[in-house]
Amino acid sequence: MGELSHVDASGKARMVDVGAKPMQRRVARACGTIALGEETRALIAGNQLAKGDVLTVAQIAGVQAAKRTAELIPLCHPLVLDHVDVRLALTPAGVSVESEVRCVGRTGVEMEALTAVTIALLTVYDMCKAVDHSMQIGEIRLLAKEKHDLPAL
């Protein structure tokens, strides 16, 4: 395991200086789940929850969250995102969420992908909490991160 990049020599938190790093195409994908009761899944499937269309609202919340990650996580760099895709699916156990975030920049977008998934799951929780007291948010994890050099001009 390497050194922590957000800690200086004296152990204090710091924002990493990425100014000298090359611009690259960055991609990250993340996923997570929330376990729901059978009745709650049926309400979501039938779009019958009082707060509205759970999967669509959670999708939009995930996209918004990815765009605002630097405001939520203190040492993240603000990035101009080229693409944010948040997909939710009703499963036999609850709801699964996957995100993909892309940009051209000097630092990766894994925090944005993870934030998108986390906020989408919290939105599902918020929208269903009146009818389901047994919900459990499951493993949220990074599936992949990539960086690719840009073509020479």
N, C-alpha and C. Protein backbone atom coordinates (compact mmCIF):
# COMPACT_ATOMS: atom_id res chain seq x y z
N MET A 1 0.84 -1.17 0.00
CA MET A 1 0.00 0.00 0.00
C MET A 1 0.89 1.24 0.00
N GLY A 2 0.55 2.22 -0.82
CA GLY A 2 1.35 3.43 -0.93
C GLY A 2 1.05 4.44 0.15
N GLU A 3 1.67 5.59 0.03
CA GLU A 3 1.46 6.67 0.99
C GLU A 3 0.12 7.35 0.74
N LEU A 4 -0.41 7.96 1.78
CA LEU A 4 -1.66 8.71 1.65
C LEU A 4 -1.38 10.02 0.92
N SER A 5 -2.12 10.27 -0.14
CA SER A 5 -1.86 11.45 -0.95
C SER A 5 -2.44 12.73 -0.35
N HIS A 6 -3.39 12.62 0.56
CA HIS A 6 -4.03 13.80 1.13
C HIS A 6 -3.47 14.17 2.50
N VAL A 7 -2.25 13.71 2.79
CA VAL A 7 -1.59 14.01 4.06
C VAL A 7 -0.19 14.52 3.77
N ASP A 8 0.18 15.65 4.38
CA ASP A 8 1.52 16.18 4.16
C ASP A 8 2.54 15.48 5.07
N ALA A 9 3.78 15.90 5.00
CA ALA A 9 4.87 15.24 5.74
C ALA A 9 4.65 15.30 7.26
N SER A 10 3.94 16.30 7.75
CA SER A 10 3.70 16.40 9.19
C SER A 10 2.39 15.76 9.62
N GLY A 11 1.69 15.11 8.67
CA GLY A 11 0.46 14.42 9.00
C GLY A 11 -0.80 15.25 8.90
N LYS A 12 -0.68 16.46 8.38
CA LYS A 12 -1.84 17.34 8.23
C LYS A 12 -2.53 17.08 6.90
N ALA A 13 -3.83 17.27 6.89
CA ALA A 13 -4.61 17.10 5.66
C ALA A 13 -4.24 18.19 4.66
N ARG A 14 -4.23 17.80 3.39
CA ARG A 14 -3.94 18.77 2.33
C ARG A 14 -4.62 18.33 1.05
N MET A 15 -4.87 19.30 0.20
CA MET A 15 -5.41 18.99 -1.12
C MET A 15 -4.23 18.70 -2.03
N VAL A 16 -4.32 17.64 -2.80
CA VAL A 16 -3.23 17.25 -3.69
C VAL A 16 -3.12 18.25 -4.83
N ASP A 17 -1.90 18.64 -5.15
CA ASP A 17 -1.64 19.53 -6.29
C ASP A 17 -1.56 18.69 -7.55
N VAL A 18 -2.54 18.81 -8.42
CA VAL A 18 -2.57 18.03 -9.65
C VAL A 18 -2.18 18.88 -10.86
N GLY A 19 -1.73 20.11 -10.61
CA GLY A 19 -1.43 21.05 -11.70
C GLY A 19 -0.42 20.56 -12.71
N ALA A 20 0.52 19.72 -12.31
CA ALA A 20 1.55 19.25 -13.24
C ALA A 20 1.16 17.94 -13.93
N LYS A 21 0.05 17.36 -13.54
CA LYS A 21 -0.38 16.10 -14.16
C LYS A 21 -0.98 16.38 -15.54
N PRO A 22 -0.83 15.44 -16.46
CA PRO A 22 -1.40 15.66 -17.80
C PRO A 22 -2.92 15.50 -17.81
N MET A 23 -3.55 16.20 -18.73
CA MET A 23 -4.98 16.01 -18.95
C MET A 23 -5.17 14.64 -19.58
N GLN A 24 -6.10 13.86 -19.04
CA GLN A 24 -6.39 12.52 -19.54
C GLN A 24 -7.89 12.28 -19.51
N ARG A 25 -8.34 11.34 -20.31
CA ARG A 25 -9.72 10.92 -20.27
C ARG A 25 -9.86 10.02 -19.04
N ARG A 26 -10.78 10.35 -18.15
CA ARG A 26 -10.98 9.62 -16.89
C ARG A 26 -12.38 9.01 -16.87
N VAL A 27 -12.48 7.77 -16.41
CA VAL A 27 -13.75 7.06 -16.32
C VAL A 27 -13.77 6.28 -15.01
N ALA A 28 -14.89 6.30 -14.32
CA ALA A 28 -15.05 5.46 -13.13
C ALA A 28 -16.47 4.93 -13.08
N ARG A 29 -16.58 3.69 -12.58
CA ARG A 29 -17.88 3.05 -12.41
C ARG A 29 -17.99 2.54 -10.98
N ALA A 30 -19.19 2.68 -10.40
CA ALA A 30 -19.44 2.24 -9.02
C ALA A 30 -20.81 1.58 -8.95
N CYS A 31 -21.04 0.86 -7.85
CA CYS A 31 -22.34 0.21 -7.67
C CYS A 31 -22.67 0.11 -6.19
N GLY A 32 -23.95 -0.18 -5.93
CA GLY A 32 -24.42 -0.40 -4.57
C GLY A 32 -25.83 -0.94 -4.60
N THR A 33 -26.33 -1.34 -3.44
CA THR A 33 -27.67 -1.92 -3.36
C THR A 33 -28.39 -1.43 -2.11
N ILE A 34 -29.70 -1.58 -2.15
CA ILE A 34 -30.50 -1.38 -0.95
C ILE A 34 -31.52 -2.52 -0.91
N ALA A 35 -31.56 -3.21 0.22
CA ALA A 35 -32.52 -4.30 0.41
C ALA A 35 -33.83 -3.70 0.89
N LEU A 36 -34.92 -4.16 0.25
CA LEU A 36 -36.25 -3.65 0.55
C LEU A 36 -37.20 -4.82 0.77
N GLY A 37 -38.25 -4.56 1.53
CA GLY A 37 -39.28 -5.56 1.73
C GLY A 37 -40.08 -5.77 0.45
N GLU A 38 -40.74 -6.91 0.38
CA GLU A 38 -41.52 -7.28 -0.80
C GLU A 38 -42.61 -6.25 -1.12
N GLU A 39 -43.29 -5.77 -0.11
CA GLU A 39 -44.35 -4.78 -0.32
C GLU A 39 -43.78 -3.48 -0.88
N THR A 40 -42.63 -3.09 -0.38
CA THR A 40 -41.99 -1.86 -0.86
C THR A 40 -41.59 -2.00 -2.32
N ARG A 41 -41.04 -3.14 -2.67
CA ARG A 41 -40.68 -3.38 -4.08
C ARG A 41 -41.92 -3.30 -4.97
N ALA A 42 -43.04 -3.85 -4.49
CA ALA A 42 -44.28 -3.80 -5.27
C ALA A 42 -44.77 -2.36 -5.42
N LEU A 43 -44.66 -1.57 -4.37
CA LEU A 43 -45.06 -0.16 -4.45
C LEU A 43 -44.20 0.61 -5.45
N ILE A 44 -42.90 0.34 -5.44
CA ILE A 44 -42.00 1.00 -6.40
C ILE A 44 -42.35 0.57 -7.81
N ALA A 45 -42.54 -0.72 -8.00
CA ALA A 45 -42.85 -1.24 -9.34
C ALA A 45 -44.15 -0.64 -9.89
N GLY A 46 -45.11 -0.42 -9.03
CA GLY A 46 -46.38 0.14 -9.45
C GLY A 46 -46.44 1.65 -9.37
N ASN A 47 -45.30 2.28 -9.04
CA ASN A 47 -45.21 3.74 -8.89
C ASN A 47 -46.32 4.25 -7.97
N GLN A 48 -46.44 3.61 -6.80
CA GLN A 48 -47.53 3.91 -5.88
C GLN A 48 -47.08 4.54 -4.56
N LEU A 49 -45.82 4.95 -4.47
CA LEU A 49 -45.37 5.60 -3.25
C LEU A 49 -45.80 7.06 -3.25
N ALA A 50 -46.14 7.57 -2.09
CA ALA A 50 -46.66 8.93 -1.97
C ALA A 50 -45.67 9.98 -2.49
N LYS A 51 -44.37 9.73 -2.35
CA LYS A 51 -43.37 10.72 -2.78
C LYS A 51 -43.10 10.69 -4.27
N GLY A 52 -43.64 9.72 -4.99
CA GLY A 52 -43.51 9.72 -6.45
C GLY A 52 -42.66 8.58 -6.98
N ASP A 53 -42.14 8.78 -8.17
CA ASP A 53 -41.38 7.78 -8.93
C ASP A 53 -39.99 7.62 -8.31
N VAL A 54 -39.84 6.63 -7.48
CA VAL A 54 -38.62 6.43 -6.69
C VAL A 54 -37.38 6.31 -7.58
N LEU A 55 -37.45 5.46 -8.59
CA LEU A 55 -36.25 5.20 -9.39
C LEU A 55 -35.81 6.43 -10.19
N THR A 56 -36.76 7.18 -10.71
CA THR A 56 -36.40 8.38 -11.47
C THR A 56 -35.84 9.48 -10.57
N VAL A 57 -36.50 9.69 -9.44
CA VAL A 57 -36.01 10.72 -8.51
C VAL A 57 -34.61 10.36 -8.00
N ALA A 58 -34.39 9.10 -7.68
CA ALA A 58 -33.08 8.66 -7.20
C ALA A 58 -32.02 8.79 -8.29
N GLN A 59 -32.39 8.52 -9.53
CA GLN A 59 -31.46 8.68 -10.65
C GLN A 59 -31.02 10.15 -10.77
N ILE A 60 -31.97 11.05 -10.73
CA ILE A 60 -31.65 12.48 -10.84
C ILE A 60 -30.81 12.92 -9.65
N ALA A 61 -31.14 12.44 -8.46
CA ALA A 61 -30.35 12.78 -7.27
C ALA A 61 -28.91 12.32 -7.41
N GLY A 62 -28.71 11.12 -7.98
CA GLY A 62 -27.36 10.60 -8.18
C GLY A 62 -26.57 11.45 -9.16
N VAL A 63 -27.21 11.89 -10.23
CA VAL A 63 -26.53 12.76 -11.21
C VAL A 63 -26.15 14.08 -10.54
N GLN A 64 -27.08 14.68 -9.83
CA GLN A 64 -26.79 15.94 -9.14
C GLN A 64 -25.65 15.78 -8.15
N ALA A 65 -25.65 14.68 -7.42
CA ALA A 65 -24.61 14.44 -6.41
C ALA A 65 -23.23 14.33 -7.05
N ALA A 66 -23.14 13.62 -8.17
CA ALA A 66 -21.84 13.49 -8.85
C ALA A 66 -21.30 14.87 -9.20
N LYS A 67 -22.17 15.75 -9.66
CA LYS A 67 -21.75 17.09 -10.08
C LYS A 67 -21.33 17.96 -8.90
N ARG A 68 -21.76 17.59 -7.69
CA ARG A 68 -21.47 18.42 -6.52
C ARG A 68 -20.51 17.74 -5.53
N THR A 69 -19.82 16.72 -5.96
CA THR A 69 -18.95 15.95 -5.06
C THR A 69 -17.93 16.82 -4.35
N ALA A 70 -17.31 17.75 -5.05
CA ALA A 70 -16.28 18.60 -4.43
C ALA A 70 -16.86 19.47 -3.32
N GLU A 71 -18.15 19.74 -3.35
CA GLU A 71 -18.79 20.51 -2.28
C GLU A 71 -19.05 19.64 -1.05
N LEU A 72 -19.12 18.33 -1.25
CA LEU A 72 -19.44 17.41 -0.17
C LEU A 72 -18.22 16.80 0.50
N ILE A 73 -17.17 16.57 -0.28
CA ILE A 73 -15.96 15.92 0.22
C ILE A 73 -14.84 16.96 0.18
N PRO A 74 -14.37 17.39 1.33
CA PRO A 74 -13.52 18.58 1.42
C PRO A 74 -12.27 18.61 0.54
N LEU A 75 -11.59 17.50 0.34
CA LEU A 75 -10.33 17.56 -0.39
C LEU A 75 -10.44 17.12 -1.85
N CYS A 76 -11.66 16.92 -2.33
CA CYS A 76 -11.87 16.58 -3.74
C CYS A 76 -11.72 17.83 -4.60
N HIS A 77 -11.16 17.62 -5.78
CA HIS A 77 -11.06 18.72 -6.74
C HIS A 77 -12.39 18.90 -7.46
N PRO A 78 -12.79 20.15 -7.69
CA PRO A 78 -13.97 20.35 -8.52
C PRO A 78 -13.63 20.00 -9.97
N LEU A 79 -14.47 19.19 -10.58
CA LEU A 79 -14.21 18.72 -11.94
C LEU A 79 -15.36 19.10 -12.86
N VAL A 80 -15.02 19.32 -14.11
CA VAL A 80 -16.04 19.50 -15.14
C VAL A 80 -16.32 18.11 -15.70
N LEU A 81 -17.51 17.61 -15.43
CA LEU A 81 -17.85 16.25 -15.84
C LEU A 81 -18.43 16.27 -17.25
N ASP A 82 -17.97 15.34 -18.07
CA ASP A 82 -18.47 15.21 -19.43
C ASP A 82 -19.73 14.35 -19.48
N HIS A 83 -19.84 13.41 -18.56
CA HIS A 83 -20.97 12.48 -18.60
C HIS A 83 -21.17 11.86 -17.23
N VAL A 84 -22.44 11.76 -16.82
CA VAL A 84 -22.81 11.04 -15.61
C VAL A 84 -24.01 10.17 -15.97
N ASP A 85 -23.87 8.88 -15.75
CA ASP A 85 -24.95 7.94 -16.00
C ASP A 85 -25.22 7.20 -14.70
N VAL A 86 -26.46 7.27 -14.23
CA VAL A 86 -26.87 6.56 -13.02
C VAL A 86 -28.05 5.67 -13.41
N ARG A 87 -27.89 4.38 -13.19
CA ARG A 87 -28.92 3.41 -13.56
C ARG A 87 -29.40 2.67 -12.32
N LEU A 88 -30.70 2.65 -12.13
CA LEU A 88 -31.31 1.93 -11.02
C LEU A 88 -32.16 0.81 -11.57
N ALA A 89 -32.18 -0.32 -10.86
CA ALA A 89 -32.99 -1.45 -11.28
C ALA A 89 -33.63 -2.08 -10.06
N LEU A 90 -34.89 -2.40 -10.20
CA LEU A 90 -35.59 -3.15 -9.18
C LEU A 90 -35.14 -4.60 -9.29
N THR A 91 -34.74 -5.20 -8.18
CA THR A 91 -34.26 -6.58 -8.16
C THR A 91 -35.14 -7.39 -7.21
N PRO A 92 -35.00 -8.70 -7.19
CA PRO A 92 -35.77 -9.51 -6.23
C PRO A 92 -35.49 -9.16 -4.77
N ALA A 93 -34.34 -8.52 -4.50
CA ALA A 93 -33.99 -8.17 -3.12
C ALA A 93 -34.21 -6.70 -2.79
N GLY A 94 -34.34 -5.85 -3.81
CA GLY A 94 -34.49 -4.42 -3.55
C GLY A 94 -34.20 -3.61 -4.79
N VAL A 95 -33.23 -2.71 -4.68
CA VAL A 95 -32.83 -1.87 -5.81
C VAL A 95 -31.31 -1.90 -5.92
N SER A 96 -30.83 -2.03 -7.15
CA SER A 96 -29.39 -1.93 -7.40
C SER A 96 -29.15 -0.63 -8.16
N VAL A 97 -27.98 -0.04 -7.91
CA VAL A 97 -27.59 1.21 -8.55
C VAL A 97 -26.21 1.04 -9.14
N GLU A 98 -26.02 1.51 -10.36
CA GLU A 98 -24.70 1.59 -10.98
C GLU A 98 -24.52 2.99 -11.54
N SER A 99 -23.30 3.49 -11.45
CA SER A 99 -23.00 4.80 -12.03
C SER A 99 -21.76 4.69 -12.90
N GLU A 100 -21.69 5.59 -13.86
CA GLU A 100 -20.49 5.78 -14.65
C GLU A 100 -20.30 7.28 -14.82
N VAL A 101 -19.09 7.73 -14.55
CA VAL A 101 -18.77 9.15 -14.65
C VAL A 101 -17.54 9.29 -15.53
N ARG A 102 -17.58 10.30 -16.41
CA ARG A 102 -16.45 10.55 -17.32
C ARG A 102 -16.09 12.03 -17.34
N CYS A 103 -14.82 12.29 -17.50
CA CYS A 103 -14.34 13.66 -17.70
C CYS A 103 -12.98 13.62 -18.39
N VAL A 104 -12.54 14.77 -18.80
CA VAL A 104 -11.15 14.96 -19.21
C VAL A 104 -10.56 15.86 -18.15
N GLY A 105 -9.55 15.34 -17.44
CA GLY A 105 -8.99 16.12 -16.34
C GLY A 105 -7.68 15.55 -15.85
N ARG A 106 -7.21 16.12 -14.75
CA ARG A 106 -5.92 15.73 -14.17
C ARG A 106 -6.07 14.77 -13.00
N THR A 107 -7.30 14.49 -12.61
CA THR A 107 -7.53 13.58 -11.48
C THR A 107 -8.77 12.74 -11.78
N GLY A 108 -8.87 11.61 -11.11
CA GLY A 108 -9.92 10.64 -11.40
C GLY A 108 -11.30 11.05 -10.92
N VAL A 109 -12.29 10.30 -11.36
CA VAL A 109 -13.69 10.59 -11.04
C VAL A 109 -14.32 9.48 -10.18
N GLU A 110 -13.49 8.72 -9.48
CA GLU A 110 -14.06 7.65 -8.67
C GLU A 110 -14.91 8.18 -7.52
N MET A 111 -14.53 9.30 -6.92
CA MET A 111 -15.35 9.85 -5.83
C MET A 111 -16.71 10.31 -6.36
N GLU A 112 -16.73 10.83 -7.57
CA GLU A 112 -17.99 11.24 -8.18
C GLU A 112 -18.89 10.04 -8.46
N ALA A 113 -18.30 8.96 -8.94
CA ALA A 113 -19.08 7.74 -9.21
C ALA A 113 -19.63 7.15 -7.91
N LEU A 114 -18.81 7.11 -6.88
CA LEU A 114 -19.25 6.58 -5.58
C LEU A 114 -20.30 7.48 -4.93
N THR A 115 -20.13 8.79 -5.06
CA THR A 115 -21.10 9.73 -4.50
C THR A 115 -22.44 9.59 -5.20
N ALA A 116 -22.42 9.43 -6.52
CA ALA A 116 -23.67 9.25 -7.27
C ALA A 116 -24.44 8.04 -6.76
N VAL A 117 -23.76 6.93 -6.57
CA VAL A 117 -24.41 5.71 -6.08
C VAL A 117 -24.94 5.91 -4.66
N THR A 118 -24.13 6.48 -3.81
CA THR A 118 -24.51 6.67 -2.41
C THR A 118 -25.75 7.55 -2.28
N ILE A 119 -25.77 8.65 -2.98
CA ILE A 119 -26.91 9.57 -2.87
C ILE A 119 -28.16 8.97 -3.53
N ALA A 120 -27.98 8.24 -4.62
CA ALA A 120 -29.14 7.56 -5.22
C ALA A 120 -29.74 6.58 -4.22
N LEU A 121 -28.91 5.81 -3.53
CA LEU A 121 -29.40 4.86 -2.52
C LEU A 121 -30.06 5.57 -1.35
N LEU A 122 -29.47 6.65 -0.89
CA LEU A 122 -30.08 7.41 0.21
C LEU A 122 -31.42 8.00 -0.21
N THR A 123 -31.55 8.36 -1.47
CA THR A 123 -32.82 8.89 -1.98
C THR A 123 -33.89 7.80 -1.97
N VAL A 124 -33.52 6.60 -2.40
CA VAL A 124 -34.47 5.47 -2.32
C VAL A 124 -34.90 5.29 -0.86
N TYR A 125 -33.94 5.30 0.04
CA TYR A 125 -34.23 5.15 1.47
C TYR A 125 -35.21 6.22 1.93
N ASP A 126 -34.92 7.46 1.60
CA ASP A 126 -35.76 8.57 2.02
C ASP A 126 -37.18 8.44 1.49
N MET A 127 -37.31 8.04 0.25
CA MET A 127 -38.63 7.95 -0.37
C MET A 127 -39.45 6.77 0.13
N CYS A 128 -38.77 5.77 0.69
CA CYS A 128 -39.47 4.55 1.14
C CYS A 128 -39.55 4.43 2.65
N LYS A 129 -38.94 5.33 3.40
CA LYS A 129 -38.83 5.15 4.85
C LYS A 129 -40.16 5.11 5.58
N ALA A 130 -41.20 5.72 5.01
CA ALA A 130 -42.51 5.70 5.67
C ALA A 130 -43.17 4.32 5.61
N VAL A 131 -42.78 3.50 4.63
CA VAL A 131 -43.44 2.20 4.46
C VAL A 131 -42.54 1.00 4.76
N ASP A 132 -41.24 1.24 4.91
CA ASP A 132 -40.32 0.11 5.10
C ASP A 132 -39.27 0.46 6.15
N HIS A 133 -39.37 -0.18 7.31
CA HIS A 133 -38.43 0.10 8.40
C HIS A 133 -37.30 -0.92 8.47
N SER A 134 -37.24 -1.81 7.48
CA SER A 134 -36.20 -2.85 7.49
C SER A 134 -35.17 -2.65 6.39
N MET A 135 -35.22 -1.52 5.70
CA MET A 135 -34.28 -1.29 4.58
C MET A 135 -32.84 -1.32 5.07
N GLN A 136 -31.98 -1.85 4.20
CA GLN A 136 -30.54 -1.85 4.50
C GLN A 136 -29.78 -1.50 3.23
N ILE A 137 -28.97 -0.46 3.33
CA ILE A 137 -28.09 -0.11 2.23
C ILE A 137 -26.92 -1.08 2.26
N GLY A 138 -26.64 -1.68 1.09
CA GLY A 138 -25.59 -2.70 1.01
C GLY A 138 -24.27 -2.13 0.54
N GLU A 139 -23.41 -3.02 0.17
CA GLU A 139 -22.05 -2.66 -0.23
C GLU A 139 -22.05 -1.65 -1.37
N ILE A 140 -21.37 -0.56 -1.13
CA ILE A 140 -21.12 0.45 -2.16
C ILE A 140 -19.66 0.31 -2.51
N ARG A 141 -19.38 0.12 -3.81
CA ARG A 141 -17.98 -0.11 -4.14
C ARG A 141 -17.65 0.41 -5.53
N LEU A 142 -16.38 0.65 -5.72
CA LEU A 142 -15.85 1.05 -7.02
C LEU A 142 -15.70 -0.20 -7.87
N LEU A 143 -16.26 -0.18 -9.05
CA LEU A 143 -16.14 -1.32 -9.97
C LEU A 143 -14.89 -1.19 -10.84
N ALA A 144 -14.62 0.02 -11.30
CA ALA A 144 -13.47 0.22 -12.19
C ALA A 144 -13.13 1.69 -12.27
N LYS A 145 -11.87 1.97 -12.50
CA LYS A 145 -11.46 3.33 -12.84
C LYS A 145 -10.40 3.22 -13.91
N GLU A 146 -10.46 4.16 -14.84
CA GLU A 146 -9.55 4.14 -15.98
C GLU A 146 -9.04 5.55 -16.26
N LYS A 147 -7.87 5.58 -16.86
CA LYS A 147 -7.38 6.84 -17.41
C LYS A 147 -6.69 6.52 -18.72
N HIS A 148 -6.94 7.38 -19.69
CA HIS A 148 -6.40 7.17 -21.03
C HIS A 148 -5.78 8.48 -21.51
N ASP A 149 -4.62 8.36 -22.14
CA ASP A 149 -3.99 9.55 -22.71
C ASP A 149 -4.86 10.08 -23.84
N LEU A 150 -4.85 11.39 -23.98
CA LEU A 150 -5.59 12.01 -25.06
C LEU A 150 -4.79 11.90 -26.35
N PRO A 151 -5.46 11.82 -27.48
CA PRO A 151 -4.72 11.75 -28.74
C PRO A 151 -3.95 13.05 -28.99
N ALA A 152 -2.79 12.91 -29.59
CA ALA A 152 -1.97 14.09 -29.90
C ALA A 152 -2.66 14.90 -30.99
N LEU A 153 -2.53 16.20 -30.86
CA LEU A 153 -3.14 17.09 -31.86
C LEU A 153 -2.27 17.28 -33.05
